[in-house]
């Protein structure tokens, strides 16, 4: 036994293992990269799960990113003009299903407040409704503000939306608390983003021309055909978002429209990668 313990190969192997264990237990990461490497190693060892690792990485991302990187750009903002009659924009509120809307006074650079969709209940209840008295104060922030600072501000002042301004004081976009949290936890799905097929296509209030539906961009074309009574081809795309992108020959943006099989498809939510939500409006009945 003594000869075995004195064996140089055993001592070398034993010492190497001991040194590795000691190094792992006692050493402290000296920078963020080393810390992430330790966490990655912990994931490989099944000490933490993938979601935990992703969220920690997301926290670091929030520390580095500025508002400009993730804000909803000016061109894609859904707004309400206080000088227009309610009937001219109420349909858009219903179709987009946002919980908050910036309210402007004719000029997009003149945001005068934020309307909470729930405050429109008084309008539907036929109570005296004054939009100017109903809107909440808007919060303005610079493009350069760090996301971690913004998240802290959102929590302290109980606001969920901020208007982003550029160095000249013009409106460059908006950002919500959900946009920030999604950098940490990934996409946050609400009742309109569920993956259940039955909720992929939601009927909304009919337009003057006919029935309307709110469709998730990842809804399969076959499902759209079944609900809408259309015959959209699925040879080059499987989803309605992909179908519209193929027709436009580019990634769609908010406001893009195409007409097919008696349906007017309008993009109401999209990012630089994919279509999120489409409004489908029947404008005539095909195949009659």
Protein backbone atom coordinates (compact mmCIF):
# COMPACT_ATOMS: atom_id res chain seq x y z
CA UNK A 1 0.00 0.00 0.00
CA UNK A 2 2.82 2.38 0.89
CA UNK A 3 4.42 1.76 -2.44
CA UNK A 4 1.12 2.58 -4.12
CA UNK A 5 0.78 5.85 -2.20
CA UNK A 6 4.35 6.75 -3.05
CA UNK A 7 3.72 6.16 -6.71
CA UNK A 8 4.52 9.41 -8.49
CA UNK A 9 1.72 9.01 -11.03
CA UNK A 10 -0.88 8.61 -8.29
CA UNK A 11 0.43 11.64 -6.39
CA UNK A 12 0.50 13.71 -9.55
CA UNK A 13 -3.06 12.75 -10.48
CA UNK A 14 -4.32 13.21 -6.93
CA UNK A 15 -2.62 16.59 -6.61
CA UNK A 16 -4.01 17.75 -9.95
CA UNK A 17 -7.56 16.84 -8.94
CA UNK A 18 -7.16 18.53 -5.57
CA UNK A 19 -5.81 21.68 -7.16
CA UNK A 20 -8.71 21.85 -9.61
CA UNK A 21 -11.28 21.44 -6.86
CA UNK A 22 -9.59 24.02 -4.66
CA UNK A 23 -9.36 26.46 -7.54
CA UNK A 24 -13.05 26.07 -8.37
CA UNK A 25 -14.20 26.46 -4.76
CA UNK A 26 -11.93 29.23 -3.53
CA UNK A 27 -11.21 31.39 -6.56
CA UNK A 28 -13.29 34.49 -7.25
CA UNK A 29 -14.02 35.76 -10.75
CA UNK A 30 -12.11 38.96 -11.38
CA UNK A 31 -14.31 40.26 -14.20
CA UNK A 32 -17.66 39.70 -15.86
CA UNK A 33 -16.29 37.29 -18.45
CA UNK A 34 -14.84 35.02 -15.78
CA UNK A 35 -18.11 35.14 -13.84
CA UNK A 36 -20.09 34.15 -16.92
CA UNK A 37 -17.65 31.32 -17.55
CA UNK A 38 -18.22 30.05 -14.00
CA UNK A 39 -21.98 30.24 -14.51
CA UNK A 40 -21.71 28.47 -17.86
CA UNK A 41 -19.71 25.73 -16.15
CA UNK A 42 -22.38 25.51 -13.45
CA UNK A 43 -24.99 25.04 -16.16
CA UNK A 44 -22.94 22.29 -17.81
CA UNK A 45 -22.74 20.57 -14.40
CA UNK A 46 -26.53 20.88 -14.01
CA UNK A 47 -26.13 23.11 -10.96
CA UNK A 48 -28.36 25.75 -12.56
CA UNK A 49 -30.87 25.40 -15.37
CA UNK A 50 -30.85 27.13 -18.75
CA UNK A 51 -33.53 29.67 -17.80
CA UNK A 52 -31.51 30.79 -14.80
CA UNK A 53 -28.36 31.16 -16.89
CA UNK A 54 -30.27 33.11 -19.56
CA UNK A 55 -31.78 35.49 -17.01
CA UNK A 56 -28.41 36.22 -15.43
CA UNK A 57 -26.98 36.95 -18.87
CA UNK A 58 -30.02 39.15 -19.49
CA UNK A 59 -29.27 41.16 -16.35
CA UNK A 60 -25.78 41.86 -17.65
CA UNK A 61 -27.26 42.86 -21.00
CA UNK A 62 -29.52 45.39 -19.28
CA UNK A 63 -26.47 46.92 -17.62
CA UNK A 64 -24.87 47.53 -21.02
CA UNK A 65 -27.80 48.54 -23.22
CA UNK A 66 -29.24 52.01 -23.67
CA UNK A 67 -32.85 52.87 -24.41
CA UNK A 68 -32.00 53.62 -28.05
CA UNK A 69 -31.13 49.97 -28.70
CA UNK A 70 -34.54 48.49 -27.87
CA UNK A 71 -37.09 51.32 -28.09
CA UNK A 72 -40.09 51.19 -30.40
CA UNK A 73 -39.12 53.70 -33.13
CA UNK A 74 -41.15 56.80 -33.85
CA UNK A 75 -42.46 55.39 -37.14
CA UNK A 76 -44.00 52.37 -35.39
CA UNK A 77 -45.69 54.16 -32.50
CA UNK A 78 -49.45 53.75 -32.15
CA UNK A 79 -50.65 57.20 -31.10
CA UNK A 80 -53.86 59.12 -30.48
CA UNK A 81 -54.39 62.67 -31.71
CA UNK A 82 -56.40 64.55 -29.10
CA UNK A 83 -57.81 66.88 -31.74
CA UNK A 84 -59.44 64.08 -33.70
CA UNK A 85 -62.84 62.61 -32.77
CA UNK A 86 -62.77 59.46 -30.70
CA UNK A 87 -64.53 57.47 -33.41
CA UNK A 88 -61.59 58.09 -35.75
CA UNK A 89 -59.09 56.24 -33.54
CA UNK A 90 -61.09 53.98 -31.21
CA UNK A 91 -60.96 51.11 -33.74
CA UNK A 92 -57.17 51.23 -33.76
CA UNK A 93 -57.15 51.02 -29.97
CA UNK A 94 -59.27 47.88 -30.15
CA UNK A 95 -57.22 46.31 -32.94
CA UNK A 96 -53.78 46.88 -31.44
CA UNK A 97 -54.92 45.91 -27.94
CA UNK A 98 -52.19 47.94 -26.25
CA UNK A 99 -52.77 48.95 -22.65
CA UNK A 100 -51.30 52.45 -23.11
CA UNK A 101 -51.18 54.99 -25.92
CA UNK A 102 -49.21 58.24 -26.28
CA UNK A 103 -51.56 61.17 -26.87
CA UNK A 104 -50.34 63.94 -29.17
CA UNK A 105 -51.65 67.32 -30.20
CA UNK A 106 -51.41 67.23 -34.01
CA UNK A 107 -47.60 66.94 -33.99
CA UNK A 108 -45.82 63.71 -33.05
CA UNK A 109 -43.20 65.81 -31.28
CA UNK A 110 -45.91 67.22 -29.03
CA UNK A 111 -46.84 64.35 -26.73
CA UNK A 112 -49.18 65.71 -24.06
CA UNK A 113 -49.90 62.56 -22.09
CA UNK A 114 -50.60 58.83 -21.95
CA UNK A 115 -54.03 57.23 -22.29
CA UNK A 116 -54.66 53.99 -20.43
CA UNK A 117 -56.98 51.78 -22.44
CA UNK A 118 -58.94 50.89 -19.30
CA UNK A 119 -59.91 54.56 -18.94
CA UNK A 120 -61.99 54.19 -22.09
CA UNK A 121 -64.53 52.18 -20.10
CA UNK A 122 -66.14 55.47 -19.16
CA UNK A 123 -66.56 56.27 -22.84
CA UNK A 124 -68.31 52.96 -23.47
CA UNK A 125 -70.42 53.46 -20.35
CA UNK A 126 -71.81 56.62 -21.98
CA UNK A 127 -70.50 58.75 -19.16
CA UNK A 128 -69.22 62.25 -19.74
CA UNK A 129 -65.84 61.62 -21.33
CA UNK A 130 -63.17 64.30 -21.66
CA UNK A 131 -59.98 62.87 -23.15
CA UNK A 132 -57.87 65.82 -22.03
CA UNK A 133 -58.93 65.27 -18.42
CA UNK A 134 -58.49 61.51 -18.69
CA UNK A 135 -54.89 61.22 -19.91
CA UNK A 136 -52.02 60.68 -17.49
CA UNK A 137 -48.75 62.66 -17.51
CA UNK A 138 -46.09 61.40 -19.93
CA UNK A 139 -42.56 60.60 -18.79
CA UNK A 140 -39.75 61.72 -21.10
CA UNK A 141 -36.31 60.13 -21.14
CA UNK A 142 -33.18 60.49 -23.31
CA UNK A 143 -32.09 57.84 -25.81
CA UNK A 144 -28.86 57.33 -23.89
CA UNK A 145 -30.47 56.28 -20.62
CA UNK A 146 -29.31 52.87 -19.40
CA UNK A 147 -31.94 50.17 -19.14
CA UNK A 148 -31.06 49.27 -15.55
CA UNK A 149 -31.58 52.89 -14.50
CA UNK A 150 -34.85 53.07 -16.43
CA UNK A 151 -36.10 49.86 -14.82
CA UNK A 152 -35.39 51.31 -11.39
CA UNK A 153 -37.26 54.48 -12.35
CA UNK A 154 -40.23 52.49 -13.65
CA UNK A 155 -40.44 50.66 -10.33
CA UNK A 156 -40.16 53.78 -8.20
CA UNK A 157 -42.61 56.01 -10.09
CA UNK A 158 -45.05 53.21 -11.04
CA UNK A 159 -45.00 54.13 -14.72
CA UNK A 160 -45.00 51.49 -17.44
CA UNK A 161 -44.25 53.65 -20.49
CA UNK A 162 -41.80 56.42 -21.30
CA UNK A 163 -41.44 58.66 -24.34
CA UNK A 164 -37.91 58.69 -25.74
CA UNK A 165 -36.48 61.99 -26.97
CA UNK A 166 -33.37 62.71 -29.01
CA UNK A 167 -30.69 65.30 -28.36
CA UNK A 168 -32.79 67.98 -30.06
CA UNK A 169 -35.86 67.32 -27.95
CA UNK A 170 -37.80 65.54 -30.68
CA UNK A 171 -39.65 62.29 -30.07
CA UNK A 172 -37.62 59.35 -31.34
CA UNK A 173 -39.70 56.50 -29.94
CA UNK A 174 -41.19 54.94 -26.84
CA UNK A 175 -40.29 52.18 -24.43
CA UNK A 176 -42.29 50.13 -21.93
CA UNK A 177 -41.37 48.22 -18.81
CA UNK A 178 -42.19 45.04 -20.71
CA UNK A 179 -39.54 45.89 -23.33
CA UNK A 180 -36.93 46.12 -20.57
CA UNK A 181 -38.02 42.97 -18.73
CA UNK A 182 -37.95 40.98 -21.96
CA UNK A 183 -34.21 41.62 -22.16
CA UNK A 184 -33.92 39.62 -18.93
CA UNK A 185 -36.58 36.92 -19.10
CA UNK A 186 -37.23 36.71 -22.84
CA UNK A 187 -40.51 37.34 -24.63
CA UNK A 188 -43.38 38.06 -22.27
CA UNK A 189 -46.56 36.65 -23.74
CA UNK A 190 -49.88 38.27 -22.86
CA UNK A 191 -53.37 37.05 -23.64
CA UNK A 192 -52.88 38.03 -27.29
CA UNK A 193 -49.54 36.23 -27.61
CA UNK A 194 -50.53 32.80 -26.35
CA UNK A 195 -49.36 29.79 -28.32
CA UNK A 196 -52.72 28.05 -28.23
CA UNK A 197 -54.14 27.62 -31.71
CA UNK A 198 -57.59 28.77 -30.62
CA UNK A 199 -56.15 32.17 -29.76
CA UNK A 200 -53.98 32.56 -32.86
CA UNK A 201 -56.86 34.28 -34.65
CA UNK A 202 -59.11 36.57 -32.63
CA UNK A 203 -62.21 38.24 -34.09
CA UNK A 204 -62.26 42.00 -33.45
CA UNK A 205 -64.87 44.64 -34.05
CA UNK A 206 -66.00 44.66 -37.68
CA UNK A 207 -65.00 47.55 -39.91
CA UNK A 208 -67.40 49.34 -42.23
CA UNK A 209 -66.37 46.95 -45.02
CA UNK A 210 -66.66 43.66 -43.21
CA UNK A 211 -65.41 41.36 -40.44
CA UNK A 212 -61.90 41.73 -38.99
CA UNK A 213 -59.49 39.37 -37.23
CA UNK A 214 -56.35 39.89 -35.20
CA UNK A 215 -53.81 37.23 -36.23
CA UNK A 216 -50.49 36.24 -34.70
CA UNK A 217 -47.65 36.41 -37.21
CA UNK A 218 -46.65 32.80 -36.54
CA UNK A 219 -50.13 31.46 -37.26
CA UNK A 220 -49.99 28.71 -39.88
CA UNK A 221 -51.41 29.60 -43.28
CA UNK A 222 -53.61 26.50 -43.24
CA UNK A 223 -55.24 27.74 -40.03
CA UNK A 224 -55.81 31.17 -41.60
CA UNK A 225 -57.43 29.58 -44.65
CA UNK A 226 -59.72 27.55 -42.41
CA UNK A 227 -60.91 30.55 -40.38
CA UNK A 228 -60.92 33.24 -43.08
CA UNK A 229 -62.23 31.07 -45.90
CA UNK A 230 -59.24 31.92 -48.07
CA UNK A 231 -56.95 29.88 -50.30
CA UNK A 232 -53.57 31.38 -49.44
CA UNK A 233 -50.73 29.23 -50.83
CA UNK A 234 -48.24 27.76 -48.37
CA UNK A 235 -45.63 26.60 -50.86
CA UNK A 236 -43.04 29.24 -49.94
CA UNK A 237 -44.04 29.98 -46.35
CA UNK A 238 -45.81 28.21 -43.51
CA UNK A 239 -46.96 31.23 -41.49
CA UNK A 240 -49.01 34.30 -42.30
CA UNK A 241 -46.05 36.51 -41.36
CA UNK A 242 -43.83 34.62 -43.77
CA UNK A 243 -46.50 34.79 -46.47
CA UNK A 244 -46.67 38.59 -46.21
CA UNK A 245 -42.87 38.86 -46.15
CA UNK A 246 -42.62 36.79 -49.33
CA UNK A 247 -45.16 39.01 -51.06
CA UNK A 248 -43.30 42.17 -50.04
CA UNK A 249 -39.88 40.55 -50.67
CA UNK A 250 -38.57 42.06 -47.44
CA UNK A 251 -39.18 41.97 -43.70
CA UNK A 252 -42.52 43.72 -43.15
CA UNK A 253 -42.84 46.80 -40.97
CA UNK A 254 -45.78 48.27 -39.13
CA UNK A 255 -48.33 49.69 -41.56
CA UNK A 256 -47.45 47.46 -44.52
CA UNK A 257 -50.49 46.15 -46.38
CA UNK A 258 -51.18 43.44 -48.94
CA UNK A 259 -54.46 42.27 -50.43
CA UNK A 260 -55.16 38.61 -51.16
CA UNK A 261 -58.34 36.56 -51.62
CA UNK A 262 -60.61 39.41 -50.62
CA UNK A 263 -58.71 40.08 -47.41
CA UNK A 264 -56.68 43.20 -46.64
CA UNK A 265 -53.76 42.22 -44.39
CA UNK A 266 -52.20 45.07 -42.40
CA UNK A 267 -49.12 44.72 -40.20
CA UNK A 268 -49.86 46.22 -36.80
CA UNK A 269 -46.83 44.88 -34.92
CA UNK A 270 -43.41 43.77 -36.18
CA UNK A 271 -39.72 44.06 -35.42
CA UNK A 272 -36.58 43.80 -37.50
CA UNK A 273 -36.84 40.01 -37.56
CA UNK A 274 -40.46 38.98 -37.85
CA UNK A 275 -44.14 39.87 -37.90
CA UNK A 276 -45.90 39.75 -34.54
CA UNK A 277 -49.50 40.74 -35.23
CA UNK A 278 -51.55 41.17 -38.43
CA UNK A 279 -54.99 42.71 -38.86
CA UNK A 280 -57.09 40.90 -41.47
CA UNK A 281 -60.08 42.77 -42.88
CA UNK A 282 -62.54 41.28 -45.35
CA UNK A 283 -63.08 43.80 -48.12
CA UNK A 284 -65.03 41.57 -50.49
CA UNK A 285 -66.09 37.94 -50.75
CA UNK A 286 -64.00 35.96 -53.30
CA UNK A 287 -64.95 32.85 -55.24
CA UNK A 288 -68.61 33.79 -55.74
